């Protein structure tokens, strides 16, 4: 007699299943909201590069210490 032991779901798996249920329940509204969410959180790549440069400059200053 073999028993199958199933592990609990990770947060990512739970969230993926939740999104799928929403999509199955009302697809049109879900797609509209998901599109709006992605537009809202989108950051252009040139802004990311500037942020990266600022971060590396700050790190370089912190590593060298006070002058």
PDB file of N, CA and C in Angstrom:
ATOM      1  N   UNK A   1       0.834  -1.177   0.000  1.00  0.00           N
ATOM      2  CA  UNK A   1       0.000   0.000   0.000  1.00  0.00           C
ATOM      3  C   UNK A   1       0.882   1.244   0.000  1.00  0.00           C
ATOM      4  N   UNK A   2       0.784   2.017  -1.058  1.00  0.00           N
ATOM      5  CA  UNK A   2       1.574   3.242  -1.171  1.00  0.00           C
ATOM      6  C   UNK A   2       0.682   4.449  -0.892  1.00  0.00           C
ATOM      7  N   UNK A   3       1.211   5.328  -0.105  1.00  0.00           N
ATOM      8  CA  UNK A   3       0.489   6.561   0.192  1.00  0.00           C
ATOM      9  C   UNK A   3       1.150   7.714  -0.549  1.00  0.00           C
ATOM     10  N   UNK A   4       0.347   8.512  -1.186  1.00  0.00           N
ATOM     11  CA  UNK A   4       0.885   9.695  -1.847  1.00  0.00           C
ATOM     12  C   UNK A   4       0.826  10.848  -0.873  1.00  0.00           C
ATOM     13  N   UNK A   5       1.945  11.468  -0.692  1.00  0.00           N
ATOM     14  CA  UNK A   5       2.012  12.624   0.191  1.00  0.00           C
ATOM     15  C   UNK A   5       2.166  13.851  -0.700  1.00  0.00           C
ATOM     16  N   UNK A   6       1.210  14.725  -0.592  1.00  0.00           N
ATOM     17  CA  UNK A   6       1.289  15.931  -1.410  1.00  0.00           C
ATOM     18  C   UNK A   6       1.754  17.089  -0.543  1.00  0.00           C
ATOM     19  N   UNK A   7       2.657  17.852  -1.097  1.00  0.00           N
ATOM     20  CA  UNK A   7       3.164  19.014  -0.386  1.00  0.00           C
ATOM     21  C   UNK A   7       2.198  20.169  -0.596  1.00  0.00           C
ATOM     22  N   UNK A   8       2.220  21.100   0.300  1.00  0.00           N
ATOM     23  CA  UNK A   8       1.392  22.293   0.160  1.00  0.00           C
ATOM     24  C   UNK A   8       1.854  23.126  -1.031  1.00  0.00           C
ATOM     25  N   UNK A   9       0.995  23.993  -1.460  1.00  0.00           N
ATOM     26  CA  UNK A   9       1.322  24.836  -2.608  1.00  0.00           C
ATOM     27  C   UNK A   9       2.138  26.042  -2.160  1.00  0.00           C
ATOM     28  N   UNK A  10       3.028  26.470  -3.036  1.00  0.00           N
ATOM     29  CA  UNK A  10       3.794  27.685  -2.763  1.00  0.00           C
ATOM     30  C   UNK A  10       2.896  28.889  -3.034  1.00  0.00           C
ATOM     31  N   UNK A  11       3.318  30.061  -2.611  1.00  0.00           N
ATOM     32  CA  UNK A  11       2.536  31.280  -2.846  1.00  0.00           C
ATOM     33  C   UNK A  11       2.363  31.508  -4.345  1.00  0.00           C
ATOM     34  N   UNK A  12       3.386  31.230  -5.126  1.00  0.00           N
ATOM     35  CA  UNK A  12       3.294  31.418  -6.575  1.00  0.00           C
ATOM     36  C   UNK A  12       2.245  30.489  -7.185  1.00  0.00           C
ATOM     37  N   UNK A  13       2.206  29.247  -6.724  1.00  0.00           N
ATOM     38  CA  UNK A  13       1.216  28.299  -7.243  1.00  0.00           C
ATOM     39  C   UNK A  13      -0.205  28.699  -6.850  1.00  0.00           C
ATOM     40  N   UNK A  14      -0.353  29.175  -5.616  1.00  0.00           N
ATOM     41  CA  UNK A  14      -1.660  29.630  -5.151  1.00  0.00           C
ATOM     42  C   UNK A  14      -2.122  30.821  -5.981  1.00  0.00           C
ATOM     43  N   UNK A  15      -1.230  31.781  -6.212  1.00  0.00           N
ATOM     44  CA  UNK A  15      -1.574  32.976  -6.976  1.00  0.00           C
ATOM     45  C   UNK A  15      -1.893  32.631  -8.425  1.00  0.00           C
ATOM     46  N   UNK A  16      -1.145  31.705  -9.007  1.00  0.00           N
ATOM     47  CA  UNK A  16      -1.397  31.286 -10.381  1.00  0.00           C
ATOM     48  C   UNK A  16      -2.779  30.645 -10.506  1.00  0.00           C
ATOM     49  N   UNK A  17      -3.129  29.797  -9.555  1.00  0.00           N
ATOM     50  CA  UNK A  17      -4.444  29.151  -9.570  1.00  0.00           C
ATOM     51  C   UNK A  17      -5.550  30.190  -9.388  1.00  0.00           C
ATOM     52  N   UNK A  18      -5.310  31.187  -8.534  1.00  0.00           N
ATOM     53  CA  UNK A  18      -6.293  32.244  -8.304  1.00  0.00           C
ATOM     54  C   UNK A  18      -6.531  33.042  -9.577  1.00  0.00           C
ATOM     55  N   UNK A  19      -5.445  33.416 -10.254  1.00  0.00           N
ATOM     56  CA  UNK A  19      -5.588  34.168 -11.507  1.00  0.00           C
ATOM     57  C   UNK A  19      -6.337  33.355 -12.557  1.00  0.00           C
ATOM     58  N   UNK A  20      -6.058  32.063 -12.603  1.00  0.00           N
ATOM     59  CA  UNK A  20      -6.746  31.204 -13.576  1.00  0.00           C
ATOM     60  C   UNK A  20      -8.243  31.123 -13.275  1.00  0.00           C
ATOM     61  N   UNK A  21      -8.601  31.027 -11.984  1.00  0.00           N
ATOM     62  CA  UNK A  21     -10.026  31.012 -11.620  1.00  0.00           C
ATOM     63  C   UNK A  21     -10.709  32.312 -12.013  1.00  0.00           C
ATOM     64  N   UNK A  22     -10.028  33.438 -11.790  1.00  0.00           N
ATOM     65  CA  UNK A  22     -10.592  34.725 -12.186  1.00  0.00           C
ATOM     66  C   UNK A  22     -10.794  34.783 -13.697  1.00  0.00           C
ATOM     67  N   UNK A  23      -9.795  34.298 -14.421  1.00  0.00           N
ATOM     68  CA  UNK A  23      -9.861  34.327 -15.883  1.00  0.00           C
ATOM     69  C   UNK A  23     -11.012  33.454 -16.382  1.00  0.00           C
ATOM     70  N   UNK A  24     -11.188  32.294 -15.776  1.00  0.00           N
ATOM     71  CA  UNK A  24     -12.271  31.395 -16.185  1.00  0.00           C
ATOM     72  C   UNK A  24     -13.643  31.977 -15.844  1.00  0.00           C
ATOM     73  N   UNK A  25     -13.715  32.691 -14.724  1.00  0.00           N
ATOM     74  CA  UNK A  25     -14.986  33.212 -14.242  1.00  0.00           C
ATOM     75  C   UNK A  25     -15.510  34.356 -15.125  1.00  0.00           C
ATOM     76  N   UNK A  26     -14.684  35.348 -15.365  1.00  0.00           N
ATOM     77  CA  UNK A  26     -15.095  36.473 -16.201  1.00  0.00           C
ATOM     78  C   UNK A  26     -13.891  36.965 -17.005  1.00  0.00           C
ATOM     79  N   UNK A  27     -13.694  36.372 -18.142  1.00  0.00           N
ATOM     80  CA  UNK A  27     -12.498  36.574 -18.947  1.00  0.00           C
ATOM     81  C   UNK A  27     -12.330  38.012 -19.429  1.00  0.00           C
ATOM     82  N   UNK A  28     -13.392  38.638 -19.932  1.00  0.00           N
ATOM     83  CA  UNK A  28     -13.280  39.985 -20.494  1.00  0.00           C
ATOM     84  C   UNK A  28     -12.828  40.998 -19.444  1.00  0.00           C
ATOM     85  N   UNK A  29     -13.480  40.965 -18.292  1.00  0.00           N
ATOM     86  CA  UNK A  29     -13.125  41.912 -17.233  1.00  0.00           C
ATOM     87  C   UNK A  29     -11.715  41.644 -16.715  1.00  0.00           C
ATOM     88  N   UNK A  30     -11.360  40.373 -16.574  1.00  0.00           N
ATOM     89  CA  UNK A  30     -10.029  40.012 -16.099  1.00  0.00           C
ATOM     90  C   UNK A  30      -8.959  40.543 -17.040  1.00  0.00           C
ATOM     91  N   UNK A  31      -9.146  40.342 -18.341  1.00  0.00           N
ATOM     92  CA  UNK A  31      -8.153  40.798 -19.314  1.00  0.00           C
ATOM     93  C   UNK A  31      -8.020  42.321 -19.306  1.00  0.00           C
ATOM     94  N   UNK A  32      -9.138  43.021 -19.152  1.00  0.00           N
ATOM     95  CA  UNK A  32      -9.100  44.483 -19.100  1.00  0.00           C
ATOM     96  C   UNK A  32      -8.327  44.950 -17.864  1.00  0.00           C
ATOM     97  N   UNK A  33      -8.620  44.362 -16.707  1.00  0.00           N
ATOM     98  CA  UNK A  33      -7.944  44.755 -15.472  1.00  0.00           C
ATOM     99  C   UNK A  33      -6.458  44.401 -15.510  1.00  0.00           C
ATOM    100  N   UNK A  34      -6.143  43.241 -16.056  1.00  0.00           N
ATOM    101  CA  UNK A  34      -4.743  42.823 -16.152  1.00  0.00           C
ATOM    102  C   UNK A  34      -3.965  43.766 -17.065  1.00  0.00           C
ATOM    103  N   UNK A  35      -4.576  44.188 -18.157  1.00  0.00           N
ATOM    104  CA  UNK A  35      -3.950  45.136 -19.069  1.00  0.00           C
ATOM    105  C   UNK A  35      -3.687  46.464 -18.369  1.00  0.00           C
ATOM    106  N   UNK A  36      -4.670  46.956 -17.629  1.00  0.00           N
ATOM    107  CA  UNK A  36      -4.503  48.210 -16.876  1.00  0.00           C
ATOM    108  C   UNK A  36      -3.400  48.082 -15.838  1.00  0.00           C
ATOM    109  N   UNK A  37      -3.335  46.937 -15.165  1.00  0.00           N
ATOM    110  CA  UNK A  37      -2.306  46.723 -14.139  1.00  0.00           C
ATOM    111  C   UNK A  37      -0.915  46.752 -14.753  1.00  0.00           C
ATOM    112  N   UNK A  38      -0.753  46.099 -15.908  1.00  0.00           N
ATOM    113  CA  UNK A  38       0.562  46.061 -16.541  1.00  0.00           C
ATOM    114  C   UNK A  38       0.985  47.433 -17.035  1.00  0.00           C
ATOM    115  N   UNK A  39       0.028  48.215 -17.533  1.00  0.00           N
ATOM    116  CA  UNK A  39       0.342  49.580 -17.967  1.00  0.00           C
ATOM    117  C   UNK A  39       0.773  50.421 -16.773  1.00  0.00           C
ATOM    118  N   UNK A  40       0.108  50.231 -15.644  1.00  0.00           N
ATOM    119  CA  UNK A  40       0.390  51.015 -14.443  1.00  0.00           C
ATOM    120  C   UNK A  40       1.776  50.722 -13.877  1.00  0.00           C
ATOM    121  N   UNK A  41       2.230  49.465 -13.939  1.00  0.00           N
ATOM    122  CA  UNK A  41       3.512  49.110 -13.329  1.00  0.00           C
ATOM    123  C   UNK A  41       4.681  49.144 -14.308  1.00  0.00           C
ATOM    124  N   UNK A  42       4.417  49.439 -15.583  1.00  0.00           N
ATOM    125  CA  UNK A  42       5.458  49.450 -16.598  1.00  0.00           C
ATOM    126  C   UNK A  42       6.448  50.580 -16.336  1.00  0.00           C
ATOM    127  N   UNK A  43       7.732  50.278 -16.431  1.00  0.00           N
ATOM    128  CA  UNK A  43       8.779  51.281 -16.305  1.00  0.00           C
ATOM    129  C   UNK A  43       9.633  51.197 -17.568  1.00  0.00           C
ATOM    130  N   UNK A  44       9.739  52.302 -18.321  1.00  0.00           N
ATOM    131  CA  UNK A  44      10.550  52.278 -19.540  1.00  0.00           C
ATOM    132  C   UNK A  44      12.000  51.904 -19.233  1.00  0.00           C
ATOM    133  N   UNK A  45      12.630  51.227 -20.168  1.00  0.00           N
ATOM    134  CA  UNK A  45      13.983  50.718 -19.933  1.00  0.00           C
ATOM    135  C   UNK A  45      14.996  51.832 -19.720  1.00  0.00           C
ATOM    136  N   UNK A  46      14.811  52.985 -20.362  1.00  0.00           N
ATOM    137  CA  UNK A  46      15.779  54.067 -20.154  1.00  0.00           C
ATOM    138  C   UNK A  46      15.708  54.597 -18.720  1.00  0.00           C
ATOM    139  N   UNK A  47      14.546  54.539 -18.087  1.00  0.00           N
ATOM    140  CA  UNK A  47      14.446  54.941 -16.686  1.00  0.00           C
ATOM    141  C   UNK A  47      15.115  53.916 -15.782  1.00  0.00           C
ATOM    142  N   UNK A  48      15.030  52.657 -16.149  1.00  0.00           N
ATOM    143  CA  UNK A  48      15.707  51.624 -15.368  1.00  0.00           C
ATOM    144  C   UNK A  48      17.210  51.819 -15.430  1.00  0.00           C
ATOM    145  N   UNK A  49      17.727  52.170 -16.607  1.00  0.00           N
ATOM    146  CA  UNK A  49      19.166  52.361 -16.777  1.00  0.00           C
ATOM    147  C   UNK A  49      19.647  53.531 -15.932  1.00  0.00           C
ATOM    148  N   UNK A  50      18.888  54.630 -15.902  1.00  0.00           N
ATOM    149  CA  UNK A  50      19.268  55.787 -15.088  1.00  0.00           C
ATOM    150  C   UNK A  50      19.266  55.406 -13.618  1.00  0.00           C
ATOM    151  N   UNK A  51      18.272  54.653 -13.203  1.00  0.00           N
ATOM    152  CA  UNK A  51      18.197  54.211 -11.819  1.00  0.00           C
ATOM    153  C   UNK A  51      19.403  53.318 -11.484  1.00  0.00           C
ATOM    154  N   UNK A  52      19.785  52.451 -12.425  1.00  0.00           N
ATOM    155  CA  UNK A  52      20.930  51.570 -12.221  1.00  0.00           C
ATOM    156  C   UNK A  52      22.210  52.389 -12.083  1.00  0.00           C
ATOM    157  N   UNK A  53      22.378  53.405 -12.927  1.00  0.00           N
ATOM    158  CA  UNK A  53      23.573  54.252 -12.853  1.00  0.00           C
ATOM    159  C   UNK A  53      23.633  54.972 -11.511  1.00  0.00           C
ATOM    160  N   UNK A  54      22.502  55.490 -11.056  1.00  0.00           N
ATOM    161  CA  UNK A  54      22.455  56.181  -9.772  1.00  0.00           C
ATOM    162  C   UNK A  54      22.823  55.226  -8.644  1.00  0.00           C
ATOM    163  N   UNK A  55      22.284  54.028  -8.700  1.00  0.00           N
ATOM    164  CA  UNK A  55      22.549  53.041  -7.656  1.00  0.00           C
ATOM    165  C   UNK A  55      24.033  52.666  -7.628  1.00  0.00           C
ATOM    166  N   UNK A  56      24.645  52.429  -8.790  1.00  0.00           N
ATOM    167  CA  UNK A  56      26.056  52.048  -8.818  1.00  0.00           C
ATOM    168  C   UNK A  56      26.941  53.205  -8.377  1.00  0.00           C
ATOM    169  N   UNK A  57      26.556  54.432  -8.703  1.00  0.00           N
ATOM    170  CA  UNK A  57      27.333  55.589  -8.255  1.00  0.00           C
ATOM    171  C   UNK A  57      27.280  55.704  -6.737  1.00  0.00           C
ATOM    172  N   UNK A  58      26.107  55.494  -6.151  1.00  0.00           N
ATOM    173  CA  UNK A  58      25.981  55.537  -4.697  1.00  0.00           C
ATOM    174  C   UNK A  58      26.797  54.442  -4.039  1.00  0.00           C
ATOM    175  N   UNK A  59      26.768  53.254  -4.626  1.00  0.00           N
ATOM    176  CA  UNK A  59      27.544  52.146  -4.072  1.00  0.00           C
ATOM    177  C   UNK A  59      29.034  52.438  -4.136  1.00  0.00           C
ATOM    178  N   UNK A  60      29.491  53.046  -5.214  1.00  0.00           N
ATOM    179  CA  UNK A  60      30.908  53.372  -5.355  1.00  0.00           C
ATOM    180  C   UNK A  60      31.320  54.385  -4.292  1.00  0.00           C
ATOM    181  N   UNK A  61      30.466  55.349  -4.019  1.00  0.00           N
ATOM    182  CA  UNK A  61      30.763  56.356  -3.001  1.00  0.00           C
ATOM    183  C   UNK A  61      30.803  55.704  -1.622  1.00  0.00           C
ATOM    184  N   UNK A  62      29.867  54.814  -1.344  1.00  0.00           N
ATOM    185  CA  UNK A  62      29.830  54.156  -0.041  1.00  0.00           C
ATOM    186  C   UNK A  62      31.046  53.258   0.163  1.00  0.00           C
ATOM    187  N   UNK A  63      31.514  52.620  -0.910  1.00  0.00           N
ATOM    188  CA  UNK A  63      32.674  51.722  -0.793  1.00  0.00           C
ATOM    189  C   UNK A  63      33.958  52.487  -0.536  1.00  0.00           C
ATOM    190  N   UNK A  64      34.096  53.659  -1.122  1.00  0.00           N
ATOM    191  CA  UNK A  64      35.332  54.421  -0.930  1.00  0.00           C
ATOM    192  C   UNK A  64      35.364  55.115   0.412  1.00  0.00           C
ATOM    193  N   UNK A  65      34.209  55.318   1.007  1.00  0.00           N
ATOM    194  CA  UNK A  65      34.142  55.959   2.306  1.00  0.00           C
ATOM    195  C   UNK A  65      34.209  57.467   2.189  1.00  0.00           C
ATOM    196  N   UNK A  66      34.186  58.152   3.320  1.00  0.00           N
ATOM    197  CA  UNK A  66      34.218  59.624   3.291  1.00  0.00           C
ATOM    198  C   UNK A  66      35.566  60.139   2.809  1.00  0.00           C
ATOM    199  N   UNK A  67      35.519  61.235   2.087  1.00  0.00           N
ATOM    200  CA  UNK A  67      36.784  61.803   1.561  1.00  0.00           C
ATOM    201  C   UNK A  67      37.213  62.998   2.343  1.00  0.00           C
TER     202      UNK A  67
END
